[in-house]
Amino acid sequence: MRRIESPIAEDEDEIDISPLIDCVFILLIFFIVTTVFEKEPDAAITKVPTVSEEKLLRNSIFIGLTADGGVIYGSDDIGVSGLQPLVRRIVRKEPDKPVVFKVDTNAPAELLVRCINEATLGGARRTSIASE
């Protein structure tokens, strides 16, 4: 019996990866070209030193404003009407102590404005709003 050879050569079983390598290089060039590099300023900048949370807690009056209209100092709901006497009492002892409002994102803006006015009437020289 005669053996018949198949016309397919054995070296055709290999996979040609050169098109894959070309695609990878093209993608690499694309990402390098489209990358935005952040440029540092040339001028020397002196950064403001940060204040630790503990020091901030001791040197500020923190007032919380809740979404349902509550005005919280410590763990007590003092209301808008209790804010002015509280600030007046604390500012008498420490006149430069700032009032910091921690406001819920759903708290009414009118409540914040009223509280800032009450704190100012109570003698607070500085008021601010805490953010994350």
N, C-alpha and C. Protein backbone atom coordinates (compact mmCIF):
# COMPACT_ATOMS: atom_id res chain seq x y z
N MET A 1 0.81 -1.17 0.00
CA MET A 1 0.00 0.00 0.00
C MET A 1 0.86 1.24 0.00
N ARG A 2 0.31 2.17 -0.71
CA ARG A 2 1.04 3.42 -0.81
C ARG A 2 0.45 4.45 0.12
N ARG A 3 1.32 5.17 0.62
CA ARG A 3 0.90 6.24 1.51
C ARG A 3 0.79 7.53 0.74
N ILE A 4 -0.32 8.27 0.96
CA ILE A 4 -0.50 9.54 0.26
C ILE A 4 -0.24 10.67 1.26
N GLU A 5 0.63 11.55 0.87
CA GLU A 5 0.97 12.67 1.72
C GLU A 5 -0.07 13.77 1.55
N SER A 6 -0.40 14.44 2.65
CA SER A 6 -1.36 15.54 2.55
C SER A 6 -0.66 16.79 2.04
N PRO A 7 -1.38 17.65 1.31
CA PRO A 7 -0.74 18.84 0.75
C PRO A 7 -0.44 19.92 1.80
N ILE A 8 -0.97 19.81 3.02
CA ILE A 8 -0.77 20.82 4.06
C ILE A 8 0.60 20.61 4.69
N ALA A 9 1.37 21.66 4.72
CA ALA A 9 2.70 21.59 5.30
C ALA A 9 2.60 21.70 6.81
N GLU A 10 3.57 21.18 7.50
CA GLU A 10 3.55 21.18 8.96
C GLU A 10 3.78 22.56 9.55
N ASP A 11 4.49 23.47 8.91
CA ASP A 11 4.78 24.78 9.47
C ASP A 11 3.59 25.73 9.39
N GLU A 12 2.50 25.36 8.77
CA GLU A 12 1.32 26.22 8.70
C GLU A 12 0.50 26.18 9.99
N ASP A 13 0.85 25.32 10.91
CA ASP A 13 0.14 25.23 12.18
C ASP A 13 0.51 26.35 13.13
N GLU A 14 1.53 27.11 12.87
CA GLU A 14 1.97 28.19 13.74
C GLU A 14 1.07 29.41 13.59
N ILE A 15 0.92 30.15 14.68
CA ILE A 15 0.10 31.37 14.67
C ILE A 15 1.04 32.56 14.49
N ASP A 16 0.68 33.41 13.57
CA ASP A 16 1.48 34.60 13.31
C ASP A 16 1.02 35.71 14.25
N ILE A 17 1.88 36.13 15.19
CA ILE A 17 1.50 37.14 16.18
C ILE A 17 1.99 38.54 15.83
N SER A 18 2.59 38.71 14.71
CA SER A 18 3.09 40.04 14.34
C SER A 18 1.97 41.07 14.19
N PRO A 19 0.77 40.75 13.67
CA PRO A 19 -0.30 41.75 13.67
C PRO A 19 -0.77 42.11 15.08
N LEU A 20 -0.73 41.16 15.99
CA LEU A 20 -1.10 41.43 17.38
C LEU A 20 -0.10 42.39 18.02
N ILE A 21 1.17 42.18 17.77
CA ILE A 21 2.21 43.06 18.31
C ILE A 21 2.06 44.46 17.71
N ASP A 22 1.73 44.57 16.44
CA ASP A 22 1.50 45.87 15.82
C ASP A 22 0.35 46.60 16.50
N CYS A 23 -0.74 45.89 16.77
CA CYS A 23 -1.90 46.51 17.44
C CYS A 23 -1.54 46.99 18.83
N VAL A 24 -0.76 46.21 19.56
CA VAL A 24 -0.36 46.60 20.91
C VAL A 24 0.50 47.86 20.87
N PHE A 25 1.43 47.94 19.92
CA PHE A 25 2.26 49.15 19.81
C PHE A 25 1.44 50.36 19.41
N ILE A 26 0.48 50.19 18.53
CA ILE A 26 -0.38 51.31 18.14
C ILE A 26 -1.19 51.80 19.33
N LEU A 27 -1.74 50.87 20.13
CA LEU A 27 -2.49 51.27 21.33
C LEU A 27 -1.57 51.97 22.33
N LEU A 28 -0.36 51.46 22.50
CA LEU A 28 0.58 52.09 23.42
C LEU A 28 0.89 53.52 22.99
N ILE A 29 1.13 53.73 21.72
CA ILE A 29 1.39 55.07 21.20
C ILE A 29 0.17 55.97 21.40
N PHE A 30 -1.01 55.44 21.17
CA PHE A 30 -2.24 56.21 21.35
C PHE A 30 -2.39 56.67 22.80
N PHE A 31 -2.16 55.77 23.76
CA PHE A 31 -2.31 56.14 25.17
C PHE A 31 -1.23 57.11 25.62
N ILE A 32 -0.04 56.99 25.11
CA ILE A 32 1.03 57.93 25.47
C ILE A 32 0.72 59.32 24.94
N VAL A 33 0.22 59.40 23.72
CA VAL A 33 -0.08 60.70 23.11
C VAL A 33 -1.26 61.38 23.79
N THR A 34 -2.27 60.62 24.20
CA THR A 34 -3.48 61.23 24.77
C THR A 34 -3.39 61.45 26.27
N THR A 35 -2.34 61.03 26.92
CA THR A 35 -2.19 61.22 28.35
C THR A 35 -1.94 62.70 28.65
N VAL A 36 -2.65 63.21 29.66
CA VAL A 36 -2.46 64.59 30.08
C VAL A 36 -1.49 64.59 31.25
N PHE A 37 -0.42 65.33 31.10
CA PHE A 37 0.57 65.41 32.16
C PHE A 37 0.30 66.65 32.99
N GLU A 38 0.32 66.47 34.30
CA GLU A 38 0.09 67.60 35.20
C GLU A 38 1.39 68.37 35.36
N LYS A 39 1.31 69.66 35.14
CA LYS A 39 2.50 70.49 35.22
C LYS A 39 2.56 71.14 36.60
N GLU A 40 3.66 70.99 37.26
CA GLU A 40 3.86 71.58 38.57
C GLU A 40 4.20 73.06 38.40
N PRO A 41 3.71 73.90 39.31
CA PRO A 41 4.05 75.32 39.20
C PRO A 41 5.53 75.55 39.47
N ASP A 42 6.10 76.55 38.78
CA ASP A 42 7.51 76.85 38.92
C ASP A 42 7.82 77.61 40.21
N ALA A 43 6.86 78.36 40.71
CA ALA A 43 7.08 79.17 41.90
C ALA A 43 7.07 78.30 43.15
N ALA A 44 7.87 78.69 44.12
CA ALA A 44 7.88 77.98 45.40
C ALA A 44 6.65 78.39 46.19
N ILE A 45 5.89 77.41 46.65
CA ILE A 45 4.64 77.68 47.36
C ILE A 45 4.78 77.20 48.79
N THR A 46 4.46 78.07 49.73
CA THR A 46 4.45 77.70 51.13
C THR A 46 3.03 77.26 51.48
N LYS A 47 2.88 76.02 51.90
CA LYS A 47 1.55 75.49 52.20
C LYS A 47 1.15 75.85 53.62
N VAL A 48 -0.14 76.03 53.80
CA VAL A 48 -0.68 76.34 55.11
C VAL A 48 -0.61 75.09 55.98
N PRO A 49 -0.11 75.19 57.18
CA PRO A 49 -0.06 74.00 58.03
C PRO A 49 -1.47 73.56 58.42
N THR A 50 -1.69 72.27 58.47
CA THR A 50 -3.02 71.75 58.80
C THR A 50 -3.21 71.73 60.30
N VAL A 51 -4.45 71.79 60.69
CA VAL A 51 -4.81 71.77 62.11
C VAL A 51 -5.37 70.40 62.41
N SER A 52 -4.89 69.80 63.47
CA SER A 52 -5.40 68.48 63.82
C SER A 52 -6.85 68.61 64.29
N GLU A 53 -7.59 67.53 64.14
CA GLU A 53 -9.01 67.55 64.50
C GLU A 53 -9.20 67.81 65.99
N GLU A 54 -8.33 67.26 66.81
CA GLU A 54 -8.46 67.44 68.25
C GLU A 54 -8.29 68.92 68.62
N LYS A 55 -7.28 69.56 68.03
CA LYS A 55 -7.05 70.98 68.30
C LYS A 55 -8.23 71.82 67.80
N LEU A 56 -8.76 71.44 66.63
CA LEU A 56 -9.91 72.15 66.08
C LEU A 56 -11.14 72.00 66.97
N LEU A 57 -11.33 70.81 67.52
CA LEU A 57 -12.48 70.59 68.40
C LEU A 57 -12.38 71.43 69.67
N ARG A 58 -11.17 71.61 70.19
CA ARG A 58 -11.00 72.41 71.40
C ARG A 58 -11.14 73.90 71.13
N ASN A 59 -10.82 74.33 69.93
CA ASN A 59 -10.77 75.76 69.63
C ASN A 59 -11.96 76.26 68.83
N SER A 60 -13.02 75.48 68.70
CA SER A 60 -14.18 75.89 67.92
C SER A 60 -15.47 75.47 68.61
N ILE A 61 -16.53 76.17 68.26
CA ILE A 61 -17.87 75.79 68.71
C ILE A 61 -18.52 75.08 67.53
N PHE A 62 -18.74 73.76 67.66
CA PHE A 62 -19.34 73.00 66.57
C PHE A 62 -20.85 72.91 66.77
N ILE A 63 -21.57 73.33 65.75
CA ILE A 63 -23.03 73.27 65.75
C ILE A 63 -23.45 72.40 64.56
N GLY A 64 -24.28 71.40 64.82
CA GLY A 64 -24.78 70.53 63.76
C GLY A 64 -26.17 70.94 63.33
N LEU A 65 -26.42 70.94 62.03
CA LEU A 65 -27.74 71.23 61.49
C LEU A 65 -28.22 69.98 60.77
N THR A 66 -29.37 69.46 61.21
CA THR A 66 -29.89 68.20 60.66
C THR A 66 -30.89 68.47 59.55
N ALA A 67 -31.23 67.42 58.82
CA ALA A 67 -32.16 67.54 57.69
C ALA A 67 -33.57 67.88 58.15
N ASP A 68 -33.92 67.49 59.37
CA ASP A 68 -35.27 67.78 59.86
C ASP A 68 -35.37 69.12 60.59
N GLY A 69 -34.33 69.94 60.50
CA GLY A 69 -34.37 71.29 61.07
C GLY A 69 -33.83 71.39 62.47
N GLY A 70 -33.16 70.37 62.97
CA GLY A 70 -32.60 70.40 64.32
C GLY A 70 -31.28 71.15 64.36
N VAL A 71 -31.05 71.83 65.50
CA VAL A 71 -29.79 72.53 65.74
C VAL A 71 -29.15 71.82 66.94
N ILE A 72 -28.03 71.14 66.71
CA ILE A 72 -27.43 70.26 67.71
C ILE A 72 -26.12 70.86 68.21
N TYR A 73 -25.97 70.89 69.53
CA TYR A 73 -24.69 71.25 70.16
C TYR A 73 -24.34 70.11 71.10
N GLY A 74 -23.22 69.47 70.87
CA GLY A 74 -22.88 68.27 71.65
C GLY A 74 -23.87 67.17 71.31
N SER A 75 -24.66 66.76 72.28
CA SER A 75 -25.70 65.77 72.02
C SER A 75 -27.08 66.35 72.28
N ASP A 76 -27.17 67.66 72.51
CA ASP A 76 -28.45 68.31 72.82
C ASP A 76 -28.98 69.08 71.62
N ASP A 77 -30.30 69.01 71.42
CA ASP A 77 -30.96 69.81 70.39
C ASP A 77 -31.34 71.13 71.03
N ILE A 78 -30.59 72.19 70.71
CA ILE A 78 -30.80 73.48 71.35
C ILE A 78 -31.76 74.37 70.57
N GLY A 79 -32.02 74.06 69.33
CA GLY A 79 -32.90 74.88 68.50
C GLY A 79 -32.23 76.19 68.11
N VAL A 80 -32.86 76.88 67.18
CA VAL A 80 -32.31 78.16 66.72
C VAL A 80 -32.31 79.18 67.84
N SER A 81 -33.35 79.16 68.66
CA SER A 81 -33.46 80.15 69.74
C SER A 81 -32.40 79.94 70.83
N GLY A 82 -31.87 78.75 70.99
CA GLY A 82 -30.86 78.50 72.01
C GLY A 82 -29.45 78.77 71.55
N LEU A 83 -29.28 79.07 70.28
CA LEU A 83 -27.94 79.26 69.73
C LEU A 83 -27.31 80.57 70.20
N GLN A 84 -28.06 81.65 70.17
CA GLN A 84 -27.51 82.96 70.55
C GLN A 84 -27.04 82.97 72.01
N PRO A 85 -27.84 82.50 72.99
CA PRO A 85 -27.33 82.48 74.38
C PRO A 85 -26.11 81.57 74.57
N LEU A 86 -26.08 80.44 73.86
CA LEU A 86 -24.95 79.52 73.96
C LEU A 86 -23.68 80.21 73.47
N VAL A 87 -23.75 80.81 72.28
CA VAL A 87 -22.57 81.48 71.71
C VAL A 87 -22.15 82.65 72.60
N ARG A 88 -23.10 83.40 73.10
CA ARG A 88 -22.78 84.55 73.97
C ARG A 88 -22.02 84.08 75.22
N ARG A 89 -22.48 82.97 75.83
CA ARG A 89 -21.85 82.45 77.04
C ARG A 89 -20.42 81.98 76.76
N ILE A 90 -20.21 81.29 75.65
CA ILE A 90 -18.88 80.77 75.33
C ILE A 90 -17.93 81.89 74.89
N VAL A 91 -18.46 82.86 74.12
CA VAL A 91 -17.62 83.94 73.59
C VAL A 91 -17.20 84.90 74.71
N ARG A 92 -17.96 84.99 75.77
CA ARG A 92 -17.55 85.82 76.90
C ARG A 92 -16.22 85.34 77.47
N LYS A 93 -16.06 84.00 77.55
CA LYS A 93 -14.82 83.43 78.09
C LYS A 93 -13.69 83.45 77.07
N GLU A 94 -14.02 83.15 75.80
CA GLU A 94 -13.02 83.10 74.74
C GLU A 94 -13.54 83.87 73.52
N PRO A 95 -13.22 85.17 73.41
CA PRO A 95 -13.80 86.02 72.37
C PRO A 95 -13.45 85.63 70.93
N ASP A 96 -12.32 84.98 70.71
CA ASP A 96 -11.92 84.65 69.33
C ASP A 96 -12.33 83.26 68.90
N LYS A 97 -13.14 82.58 69.67
CA LYS A 97 -13.53 81.21 69.34
C LYS A 97 -14.52 81.22 68.17
N PRO A 98 -14.20 80.55 67.06
CA PRO A 98 -15.09 80.55 65.89
C PRO A 98 -16.24 79.55 66.05
N VAL A 99 -17.30 79.79 65.31
CA VAL A 99 -18.44 78.88 65.27
C VAL A 99 -18.39 78.15 63.93
N VAL A 100 -18.40 76.82 64.01
CA VAL A 100 -18.33 76.00 62.80
C VAL A 100 -19.64 75.22 62.70
N PHE A 101 -20.31 75.36 61.55
CA PHE A 101 -21.58 74.66 61.32
C PHE A 101 -21.32 73.42 60.48
N LYS A 102 -21.72 72.26 61.00
CA LYS A 102 -21.68 71.01 60.25
C LYS A 102 -23.10 70.78 59.74
N VAL A 103 -23.30 70.97 58.45
CA VAL A 103 -24.64 70.99 57.87
C VAL A 103 -24.92 69.72 57.10
N ASP A 104 -26.07 69.10 57.37
CA ASP A 104 -26.53 67.96 56.59
C ASP A 104 -26.85 68.44 55.18
N THR A 105 -26.61 67.59 54.19
CA THR A 105 -26.85 68.01 52.79
C THR A 105 -28.32 68.29 52.52
N ASN A 106 -29.21 67.72 53.30
CA ASN A 106 -30.65 67.95 53.10
C ASN A 106 -31.23 68.98 54.06
N ALA A 107 -30.38 69.66 54.81
CA ALA A 107 -30.86 70.69 55.74
C ALA A 107 -31.30 71.91 54.94
N PRO A 108 -32.36 72.57 55.40
CA PRO A 108 -32.82 73.77 54.68
C PRO A 108 -31.79 74.90 54.75
N ALA A 109 -31.61 75.60 53.64
CA ALA A 109 -30.65 76.71 53.59
C ALA A 109 -31.09 77.84 54.50
N GLU A 110 -32.39 78.02 54.65
CA GLU A 110 -32.92 79.07 55.53
C GLU A 110 -32.47 78.84 56.97
N LEU A 111 -32.42 77.58 57.39
CA LEU A 111 -31.97 77.24 58.74
C LEU A 111 -30.51 77.66 58.94
N LEU A 112 -29.68 77.40 57.96
CA LEU A 112 -28.27 77.79 58.05
C LEU A 112 -28.12 79.30 58.17
N VAL A 113 -28.85 80.04 57.36
CA VAL A 113 -28.77 81.51 57.39
C VAL A 113 -29.24 82.04 58.74
N ARG A 114 -30.33 81.48 59.26
CA ARG A 114 -30.83 81.91 60.58
C ARG A 114 -29.81 81.62 61.68
N CYS A 115 -29.16 80.45 61.60
CA CYS A 115 -28.17 80.08 62.61
C CYS A 115 -26.93 80.97 62.54
N ILE A 116 -26.49 81.29 61.34
CA ILE A 116 -25.35 82.20 61.21
C ILE A 116 -25.70 83.57 61.79
N ASN A 117 -26.90 84.05 61.52
CA ASN A 117 -27.34 85.34 62.09
C ASN A 117 -27.39 85.28 63.61
N GLU A 118 -27.92 84.19 64.18
CA GLU A 118 -28.00 84.05 65.63
C GLU A 118 -26.61 84.00 66.26
N ALA A 119 -25.69 83.28 65.61
CA ALA A 119 -24.32 83.21 66.14
C ALA A 119 -23.65 84.58 66.10
N THR A 120 -23.88 85.32 65.04
CA THR A 120 -23.31 86.67 64.93
C THR A 120 -23.90 87.59 65.99
N LEU A 121 -25.21 87.49 66.20
CA LEU A 121 -25.84 88.30 67.26
C LEU A 121 -25.37 87.89 68.64
N GLY A 122 -24.95 86.65 68.79
CA GLY A 122 -24.42 86.18 70.07
C GLY A 122 -22.99 86.63 70.32
N GLY A 123 -22.35 87.24 69.33
CA GLY A 123 -21.01 87.78 69.52
C GLY A 123 -19.91 87.02 68.80
N ALA A 124 -20.26 86.05 67.98
CA ALA A 124 -19.23 85.30 67.25
C ALA A 124 -18.61 86.20 66.19
N ARG A 125 -17.29 86.27 66.18
CA ARG A 125 -16.60 87.09 65.19
C ARG A 125 -16.39 86.34 63.89
N ARG A 126 -16.25 85.01 63.99
CA ARG A 126 -16.03 84.19 62.80
C ARG A 126 -17.00 83.03 62.79
N THR A 127 -17.62 82.81 61.65
CA THR A 127 -18.47 81.64 61.45
C THR A 127 -18.02 80.97 60.14
N SER A 128 -18.15 79.65 60.12
CA SER A 128 -17.78 78.94 58.90
C SER A 128 -18.62 77.67 58.80
N ILE A 129 -18.56 77.07 57.62
CA ILE A 129 -19.33 75.86 57.34
C ILE A 129 -18.31 74.76 57.07
N ALA A 130 -18.45 73.65 57.80
CA ALA A 130 -17.54 72.52 57.62
C ALA A 130 -17.93 71.74 56.38
N SER A 131 -16.93 71.24 55.66
CA SER A 131 -17.18 70.41 54.50
C SER A 131 -16.26 69.22 54.56
N GLU A 132 -16.54 68.22 53.73
CA GLU A 132 -15.72 67.02 53.72
C GLU A 132 -14.54 67.20 52.80
